Protein backbone atom coordinates (compact mmCIF):
# COMPACT_ATOMS: atom_id res chain seq x y z
CA MET A 1 124.89 92.63 93.17
CA THR A 2 121.42 91.26 92.59
CA VAL A 3 118.64 91.47 94.86
CA PRO A 4 116.60 88.41 95.47
CA ARG A 5 113.28 88.50 94.53
CA GLN A 6 111.37 88.06 97.75
CA LEU A 7 113.79 90.23 99.90
CA PRO A 8 111.19 92.89 100.27
CA ASN A 9 108.26 90.35 101.07
CA ALA A 10 110.72 88.57 103.45
CA ILE A 11 111.08 91.99 105.59
CA THR A 12 107.51 92.64 105.29
CA ILE A 13 106.78 88.78 106.98
CA VAL A 14 109.36 89.75 109.55
CA ARG A 15 107.53 93.10 110.34
CA ILE A 16 104.46 91.00 110.92
CA LEU A 17 106.67 88.30 113.10
CA CYS A 18 107.91 91.51 115.26
CA ALA A 19 104.25 92.45 116.06
CA PRO A 20 103.80 89.61 118.74
CA VAL A 21 106.86 89.77 120.32
CA PHE A 22 106.58 93.61 120.54
CA LEU A 23 103.19 93.23 122.23
CA TRP A 24 104.55 90.91 124.72
CA MET A 25 107.46 93.08 125.58
CA LEU A 26 105.01 95.91 125.94
CA LEU A 27 102.99 94.14 128.55
CA ALA A 28 105.46 91.70 130.27
CA ASP A 29 106.28 94.23 133.06
CA GLY A 30 102.66 96.03 132.69
CA GLY A 31 104.19 99.23 130.84
CA ALA A 32 106.46 100.45 133.54
CA ASP A 33 109.48 102.27 132.52
CA GLY A 34 111.95 100.07 132.63
CA ALA A 35 114.04 98.05 130.14
CA LEU A 36 111.29 96.06 128.63
CA ARG A 37 109.17 98.87 127.71
CA TRP A 38 112.33 100.58 125.91
CA GLY A 39 113.00 97.40 124.12
CA ALA A 40 109.41 97.49 122.95
CA ALA A 41 109.45 100.84 121.96
CA ALA A 42 112.87 100.50 119.89
CA LEU A 43 111.59 97.00 118.42
CA PHE A 44 108.43 98.84 117.13
CA ILE A 45 110.51 101.50 115.96
CA VAL A 46 112.84 99.35 114.05
CA ALA A 47 109.95 97.38 112.82
CA ILE A 48 108.04 100.36 111.25
CA ALA A 49 110.83 101.63 109.57
CA THR A 50 111.16 98.64 107.38
CA ASP A 51 108.20 99.63 105.94
CA GLY A 52 110.09 101.96 103.98
CA ILE A 53 112.96 99.89 103.47
CA ASP A 54 111.16 97.01 101.92
CA GLY A 55 109.27 99.22 99.46
CA HIS A 56 112.39 101.26 98.52
CA ILE A 57 114.19 97.93 97.63
CA ALA A 58 111.53 96.67 95.56
CA ARG A 59 110.76 99.79 93.65
CA ARG A 60 114.74 100.49 93.00
CA ASN A 61 115.06 97.05 91.77
CA ASP A 62 112.09 96.73 89.94
CA ILE A 63 110.82 93.55 91.94
CA VAL A 64 107.50 95.16 93.20
CA THR A 65 105.17 92.30 93.20
CA ASP A 66 101.24 91.94 93.62
CA LEU A 67 101.88 89.74 96.91
CA GLY A 68 104.02 92.48 98.28
CA LYS A 69 101.14 95.40 97.45
CA LEU A 70 99.24 93.09 99.72
CA LEU A 71 101.25 92.09 102.32
CA ASP A 72 102.84 95.47 103.11
CA PRO A 73 99.90 97.31 104.59
CA ILE A 74 98.49 94.38 106.21
CA ALA A 75 101.92 94.30 108.29
CA ASP A 76 101.55 97.83 108.93
CA LYS A 77 98.30 97.29 110.42
CA VAL A 78 99.20 93.92 112.26
CA LEU A 79 102.25 96.21 113.80
CA THR A 80 100.09 99.45 114.55
CA GLY A 81 97.44 97.43 115.67
CA CYS A 82 99.37 95.57 118.53
CA ALA A 83 100.46 98.91 119.40
CA PHE A 84 97.17 100.50 119.66
CA VAL A 85 95.98 97.56 121.47
CA GLY A 86 98.53 97.46 124.17
CA LEU A 87 98.74 100.94 124.92
CA SER A 88 94.81 100.83 125.52
CA ILE A 89 95.24 97.69 127.71
CA LEU A 90 97.80 99.68 129.78
CA ALA A 91 95.04 102.23 130.06
CA GLU A 92 97.55 104.84 128.33
CA LEU A 93 95.64 105.57 125.43
CA PRO A 94 91.43 105.52 125.54
CA TRP A 95 90.09 102.65 123.74
CA TRP A 96 87.87 104.67 121.61
CA VAL A 97 90.66 105.97 119.75
CA THR A 98 91.95 102.33 119.25
CA ALA A 99 88.52 101.34 118.51
CA ILE A 100 88.19 103.63 115.42
CA VAL A 101 91.38 102.91 114.39
CA LEU A 102 90.95 99.07 114.38
CA VAL A 103 87.51 99.51 112.59
CA ARG A 104 89.01 101.38 109.83
CA GLU A 105 92.16 99.07 109.33
CA LEU A 106 90.29 95.96 109.74
CA GLY A 107 87.47 97.18 107.26
CA ILE A 108 90.11 98.21 104.55
CA THR A 109 91.94 95.06 104.90
CA VAL A 110 88.90 92.56 104.37
CA TYR A 111 87.97 94.70 101.55
CA ARG A 112 91.38 94.21 100.14
CA LEU A 113 91.30 90.46 100.67
CA MET A 114 87.83 90.58 98.92
CA VAL A 115 88.77 92.23 95.78
CA VAL A 116 92.32 90.61 95.72
CA SER A 117 91.21 87.74 92.56
CA ASP A 118 89.79 91.25 90.89
CA HIS A 119 92.40 93.96 91.69
CA VAL A 120 95.42 94.70 94.28
CA LEU A 121 94.23 97.54 96.46
CA ALA A 122 97.82 99.08 96.68
CA ALA A 123 98.30 101.44 99.64
CA ALA A 124 97.51 105.15 98.45
CA TRP A 125 99.35 108.39 99.28
CA MET A 126 96.89 109.30 101.90
CA GLY A 127 97.11 105.75 103.46
CA LYS A 128 100.89 105.95 103.45
CA LEU A 129 100.84 109.49 105.08
CA LYS A 130 98.31 107.85 107.70
CA THR A 131 100.95 105.23 108.29
CA VAL A 132 103.72 107.66 109.24
CA ALA A 133 101.52 109.87 111.38
CA GLN A 134 100.42 106.46 113.61
CA ALA A 135 104.60 105.34 113.68
CA VAL A 136 105.31 108.71 115.19
CA ALA A 137 102.57 109.09 117.32
CA LEU A 138 103.09 105.60 118.62
CA SER A 139 106.67 105.96 118.88
CA LEU A 140 106.30 108.98 121.33
CA ALA A 141 103.38 106.99 123.05
CA LEU A 142 105.59 103.98 124.03
CA LEU A 143 108.89 105.49 124.66
CA PRO A 144 108.75 106.81 128.29
CA LEU A 145 110.25 110.09 127.48
CA ALA A 146 108.46 112.03 130.26
CA SER A 147 110.70 110.66 132.74
CA LEU A 148 113.66 112.27 130.78
CA VAL A 149 112.28 115.62 129.31
CA GLY A 150 109.19 116.57 131.64
CA ASP A 151 105.55 116.02 131.09
CA TRP A 152 105.34 118.64 128.17
CA ILE A 153 105.95 115.64 126.05
CA GLY A 154 102.50 114.35 126.52
CA TRP A 155 100.97 117.28 125.07
CA VAL A 156 103.38 116.66 121.81
CA ASN A 157 102.25 113.21 122.17
CA THR A 158 98.36 113.88 122.28
CA VAL A 159 98.62 116.64 118.92
CA THR A 160 100.62 113.71 116.96
CA MET A 161 97.82 110.99 118.15
CA TRP A 162 94.85 113.44 116.89
CA ILE A 163 96.62 114.14 113.69
CA ALA A 164 97.18 110.23 113.60
CA VAL A 165 93.18 109.55 114.05
CA ILE A 166 92.20 112.45 111.79
CA LEU A 167 94.55 110.98 108.82
CA THR A 168 93.33 107.56 109.65
CA ILE A 169 89.45 108.75 109.34
CA ALA A 170 90.24 110.77 106.43
CA SER A 171 92.54 107.98 104.43
CA GLY A 172 89.74 105.66 105.15
CA ILE A 173 87.19 107.70 103.53
CA ASP A 174 89.78 108.34 100.66
CA TYR A 175 89.95 104.42 99.98
CA VAL A 176 86.08 104.10 99.86
CA VAL A 177 85.77 107.18 97.53
CA SER A 178 88.43 105.83 95.25
CA GLU A 179 87.32 102.28 95.01
CA VAL A 180 83.80 103.56 94.08
CA ARG A 181 85.29 105.84 91.47
CA GLY A 182 87.54 102.96 90.31
CA ARG A 183 84.28 100.36 90.02
CA ARG A 184 82.79 102.94 88.03
CA THR A 185 85.23 103.20 85.80
CA ARG A 186 85.85 99.54 85.36
CA ALA A 187 82.21 99.04 84.80
CA LYS A 188 82.19 101.73 81.90
CA GLY A 189 85.17 100.01 80.45
CA ALA A 190 84.08 96.12 80.57
CA PRO A 191 83.01 94.79 77.37
CA HIS A 192 78.79 94.45 76.68
CA GLY A 193 77.50 91.14 77.83
CA ALA A 194 80.99 90.54 80.38
């Protein structure tokens, strides 16, 4: 069966469109542990899981596109950014954590858009690891599990959130270092007088 060439990008766009719906569901009842909170958490988990699906489809069917390389990390940032902001609005996550994450994510995204005419800055392995760590930490934070399993889950969430923040900072530094090295390499390889 032939997979439509634009299917991975369509899945990525759906992930972006899920973000405002998810944020509304999270905030609608003030973060109460009711049906909307469970629904918001479920929507986030399903939406963030599509990150692996669209990439797998694209690679397996050899339909990786520059647009997909650009949109995929942006979709992740929109969705996780909404989660970080939503949890901070609900006072369930300190604003300084959200600020660190948003500064890193916005900085890399703006840079990606600035250099897109020169080259596509695809997600690196550390950036992908960061996204997985954020997805796990945010999923644990969004699911109202304390009422089911006890307060110890809060400690697990604190540890996973710290891991996510550390990887967010480390992957941001990794992008900067990689880009500086890449620029030097491209400058050395450019024809004289170009």
